[in-house]
Every structure is written in structure tokens, then in C-alpha cells.
N, C-alpha and C. Protein backbone atom coordinates (compact mmCIF):
# COMPACT_ATOMS: atom_id res chain seq x y z
N UNK A 1 -138.36 56.25 -37.16
CA UNK A 1 -138.07 56.63 -38.52
C UNK A 1 -139.06 55.91 -39.44
N UNK A 2 -139.80 56.65 -40.21
CA UNK A 2 -140.77 56.07 -41.13
C UNK A 2 -140.12 55.83 -42.48
N UNK A 3 -140.50 54.73 -43.11
CA UNK A 3 -140.03 54.44 -44.45
C UNK A 3 -140.90 55.14 -45.48
N UNK A 4 -140.41 55.20 -46.67
CA UNK A 4 -141.19 55.78 -47.75
C UNK A 4 -141.71 54.66 -48.63
N UNK A 5 -142.83 54.89 -49.24
CA UNK A 5 -143.44 53.90 -50.11
C UNK A 5 -143.14 54.30 -51.55
N UNK A 6 -142.63 53.36 -52.31
CA UNK A 6 -142.36 53.60 -53.71
C UNK A 6 -143.25 52.71 -54.55
N UNK A 7 -143.44 53.08 -55.77
CA UNK A 7 -144.29 52.29 -56.65
C UNK A 7 -143.50 51.90 -57.89
N UNK A 8 -143.62 50.66 -58.29
CA UNK A 8 -142.93 50.17 -59.48
C UNK A 8 -144.01 49.81 -60.50
N UNK A 9 -143.93 50.41 -61.67
CA UNK A 9 -144.92 50.13 -62.72
C UNK A 9 -144.46 48.93 -63.54
N UNK A 10 -145.41 48.22 -64.08
CA UNK A 10 -145.11 47.08 -64.92
C UNK A 10 -146.13 45.99 -64.70
N UNK A 11 -145.81 44.81 -65.19
CA UNK A 11 -146.73 43.68 -65.06
C UNK A 11 -146.98 43.35 -63.59
N UNK A 12 -145.93 43.37 -62.80
CA UNK A 12 -146.06 43.14 -61.36
C UNK A 12 -146.01 44.49 -60.66
N UNK A 13 -147.15 45.02 -60.33
CA UNK A 13 -147.23 46.35 -59.74
C UNK A 13 -147.17 46.23 -58.23
N UNK A 14 -145.99 46.45 -57.67
CA UNK A 14 -145.76 46.35 -56.23
C UNK A 14 -145.48 47.72 -55.65
N UNK A 15 -145.74 47.87 -54.37
CA UNK A 15 -145.26 49.02 -53.63
C UNK A 15 -144.30 48.50 -52.57
N UNK A 16 -143.30 49.30 -52.24
CA UNK A 16 -142.22 48.88 -51.36
C UNK A 16 -142.14 49.80 -50.15
N UNK A 17 -141.74 49.23 -49.04
CA UNK A 17 -141.56 50.01 -47.81
C UNK A 17 -140.26 49.59 -47.13
N UNK A 18 -139.28 50.48 -47.06
CA UNK A 18 -138.05 50.16 -46.33
C UNK A 18 -138.30 50.25 -44.83
N UNK A 19 -137.66 49.38 -44.10
CA UNK A 19 -137.84 49.32 -42.66
C UNK A 19 -136.47 49.12 -42.02
N UNK A 20 -136.13 49.94 -41.04
CA UNK A 20 -134.85 49.84 -40.33
C UNK A 20 -135.12 49.31 -38.94
N UNK A 21 -134.39 48.24 -38.58
CA UNK A 21 -134.50 47.66 -37.24
C UNK A 21 -133.20 47.97 -36.52
N UNK A 22 -133.27 48.67 -35.39
CA UNK A 22 -132.05 49.17 -34.74
C UNK A 22 -131.15 48.06 -34.20
N UNK A 23 -129.85 48.37 -34.04
CA UNK A 23 -128.93 47.40 -33.46
C UNK A 23 -129.34 47.09 -32.03
N UNK A 24 -129.04 45.90 -31.59
CA UNK A 24 -129.41 45.50 -30.24
C UNK A 24 -130.76 44.80 -30.18
N UNK A 25 -131.51 44.83 -31.26
CA UNK A 25 -132.78 44.13 -31.31
C UNK A 25 -132.50 42.65 -31.53
N UNK A 26 -133.07 41.81 -30.69
CA UNK A 26 -132.81 40.38 -30.82
C UNK A 26 -133.40 39.84 -32.11
N UNK A 27 -132.88 38.71 -32.52
CA UNK A 27 -133.36 38.08 -33.76
C UNK A 27 -134.84 37.71 -33.65
N UNK A 28 -135.24 37.20 -32.50
CA UNK A 28 -136.65 36.81 -32.33
C UNK A 28 -137.56 38.04 -32.30
N UNK A 29 -137.11 39.14 -31.72
CA UNK A 29 -137.91 40.37 -31.70
C UNK A 29 -138.05 40.93 -33.12
N UNK A 30 -136.96 40.90 -33.90
CA UNK A 30 -137.02 41.37 -35.28
C UNK A 30 -137.98 40.51 -36.10
N UNK A 31 -137.92 39.20 -35.90
CA UNK A 31 -138.81 38.30 -36.63
C UNK A 31 -140.27 38.55 -36.24
N UNK A 32 -140.53 38.85 -34.97
CA UNK A 32 -141.88 39.15 -34.52
C UNK A 32 -142.38 40.45 -35.14
N UNK A 33 -141.51 41.47 -35.19
CA UNK A 33 -141.89 42.74 -35.80
C UNK A 33 -142.26 42.56 -37.27
N UNK A 34 -141.46 41.78 -37.99
CA UNK A 34 -141.72 41.57 -39.40
C UNK A 34 -142.98 40.74 -39.62
N UNK A 35 -143.21 39.73 -38.79
CA UNK A 35 -144.40 38.90 -38.99
C UNK A 35 -145.67 39.66 -38.65
N UNK A 36 -145.61 40.63 -37.74
CA UNK A 36 -146.78 41.47 -37.47
C UNK A 36 -147.12 42.32 -38.69
N UNK A 37 -146.10 42.84 -39.37
CA UNK A 37 -146.35 43.62 -40.58
C UNK A 37 -146.98 42.77 -41.67
N UNK A 38 -146.53 41.52 -41.77
CA UNK A 38 -147.08 40.60 -42.76
C UNK A 38 -148.54 40.30 -42.45
N UNK A 39 -148.84 40.02 -41.20
CA UNK A 39 -150.20 39.64 -40.81
C UNK A 39 -151.17 40.81 -40.92
N UNK A 40 -150.77 41.99 -40.52
CA UNK A 40 -151.66 43.14 -40.45
C UNK A 40 -151.76 43.89 -41.78
N UNK A 41 -150.64 44.09 -42.45
CA UNK A 41 -150.64 44.97 -43.61
C UNK A 41 -150.56 44.30 -44.95
N UNK A 42 -150.50 42.98 -44.99
CA UNK A 42 -150.42 42.30 -46.27
C UNK A 42 -149.05 42.38 -46.92
N UNK A 43 -148.02 42.72 -46.15
CA UNK A 43 -146.67 42.85 -46.68
C UNK A 43 -145.99 41.49 -46.74
N UNK A 44 -144.98 41.39 -47.59
CA UNK A 44 -144.10 40.23 -47.61
C UNK A 44 -142.67 40.74 -47.62
N UNK A 45 -141.76 39.93 -47.13
CA UNK A 45 -140.37 40.33 -47.04
C UNK A 45 -139.72 40.17 -48.41
N UNK A 46 -139.21 41.26 -48.96
CA UNK A 46 -138.55 41.22 -50.26
C UNK A 46 -137.04 41.11 -50.09
N UNK A 47 -136.50 41.75 -49.05
CA UNK A 47 -135.05 41.75 -48.83
C UNK A 47 -134.75 42.05 -47.37
N UNK A 48 -133.71 41.40 -46.86
CA UNK A 48 -133.26 41.66 -45.49
C UNK A 48 -131.75 41.70 -45.49
N UNK A 49 -131.19 42.76 -44.93
CA UNK A 49 -129.74 42.91 -44.83
C UNK A 49 -129.37 43.09 -43.37
N UNK A 50 -128.31 42.41 -42.95
CA UNK A 50 -127.76 42.59 -41.61
C UNK A 50 -126.41 43.27 -41.78
N UNK A 51 -126.27 44.44 -41.16
CA UNK A 51 -125.04 45.21 -41.28
C UNK A 51 -124.11 44.92 -40.11
N UNK A 52 -122.84 45.28 -40.28
CA UNK A 52 -121.81 44.99 -39.28
C UNK A 52 -122.11 45.61 -37.92
N UNK A 53 -122.79 46.75 -37.90
CA UNK A 53 -123.11 47.40 -36.63
C UNK A 53 -124.33 46.80 -35.94
N UNK A 54 -124.95 45.79 -36.55
CA UNK A 54 -126.11 45.13 -35.96
C UNK A 54 -127.45 45.64 -36.46
N UNK A 55 -127.42 46.68 -37.28
CA UNK A 55 -128.65 47.22 -37.86
C UNK A 55 -129.16 46.26 -38.94
N UNK A 56 -130.46 46.05 -38.91
CA UNK A 56 -131.10 45.26 -39.97
C UNK A 56 -131.91 46.20 -40.85
N UNK A 57 -131.79 46.05 -42.14
CA UNK A 57 -132.58 46.84 -43.07
C UNK A 57 -133.42 45.87 -43.90
N UNK A 58 -134.72 46.04 -43.80
CA UNK A 58 -135.65 45.17 -44.52
C UNK A 58 -136.39 46.00 -45.56
N UNK A 59 -136.75 45.34 -46.63
CA UNK A 59 -137.62 45.95 -47.64
C UNK A 59 -138.84 45.04 -47.74
N UNK A 60 -139.99 45.63 -47.44
CA UNK A 60 -141.25 44.90 -47.52
C UNK A 60 -141.94 45.28 -48.82
N UNK A 61 -142.71 44.36 -49.38
CA UNK A 61 -143.45 44.68 -50.59
C UNK A 61 -144.84 44.08 -50.53
N UNK A 62 -145.74 44.68 -51.28
CA UNK A 62 -147.09 44.14 -51.44
C UNK A 62 -147.65 44.63 -52.77
N UNK A 63 -148.64 43.96 -53.23
CA UNK A 63 -149.30 44.38 -54.47
C UNK A 63 -149.92 45.75 -54.26
N UNK A 64 -149.84 46.60 -55.24
CA UNK A 64 -150.35 47.96 -55.12
C UNK A 64 -151.84 47.99 -54.85
N UNK A 65 -152.57 46.99 -55.26
CA UNK A 65 -154.02 46.98 -55.04
C UNK A 65 -154.38 46.84 -53.56
N UNK A 66 -153.41 46.49 -52.73
CA UNK A 66 -153.65 46.36 -51.30
C UNK A 66 -153.28 47.63 -50.54
N UNK A 67 -153.18 48.75 -51.23
CA UNK A 67 -152.69 49.98 -50.60
C UNK A 67 -153.65 50.56 -49.57
N UNK A 68 -154.87 50.05 -49.48
CA UNK A 68 -155.78 50.52 -48.45
C UNK A 68 -155.43 49.95 -47.08
N UNK A 69 -154.54 48.98 -47.01
CA UNK A 69 -154.12 48.39 -45.74
C UNK A 69 -153.10 49.31 -45.08
N UNK A 70 -152.89 49.16 -43.75
CA UNK A 70 -152.00 50.08 -43.04
C UNK A 70 -150.54 49.97 -43.47
N UNK A 71 -149.81 51.08 -43.29
CA UNK A 71 -148.39 51.15 -43.59
C UNK A 71 -147.62 50.49 -42.45
N UNK A 72 -146.35 50.08 -42.70
CA UNK A 72 -145.54 49.51 -41.63
C UNK A 72 -145.31 50.51 -40.52
N UNK A 73 -145.29 50.05 -39.31
CA UNK A 73 -145.02 50.89 -38.15
C UNK A 73 -143.58 50.66 -37.75
N UNK A 74 -142.83 51.75 -37.62
CA UNK A 74 -141.42 51.62 -37.25
C UNK A 74 -141.19 52.08 -35.84
């Protein structure tokens, strides 16, 4: 499932990418997936939610000027 990229206008011009991590994924595997996105795409973690069913929903963000870098891979 691919996330969509949104753009927020204003002084801090960020783009956002939602990312869903399926239930059953270990904590260390989820952390590795997120750190790869940070290293490769210039993303930073804006929000992380853990749901009762074990699904993790993350929102990554980066400055809009870095949009030439790759999108998150889900």
C-alpha cells in the first residue's frame, strides 16, 4: 500500500507521507524500516501510532525542497 504525499503551505513548507506497518512486524524491524527511509529519502518521523491490532501508522515529513529524493517504499 503506497502512501500519498501532501503539501502544507506556510513558513515551514513540508511534505508528508503516511506509512502503514502491518501487524506482526517486530519493533526492531519497524525501526529498521523507518531508519532506512530517513537515511535514503531525507524523511523524519513526525508521528507514530500503535493500534490495538498491532498495526503501526507512521507519518514521515521532509522539507518540500527535498522532493527530488525517493518516496517511502511500503
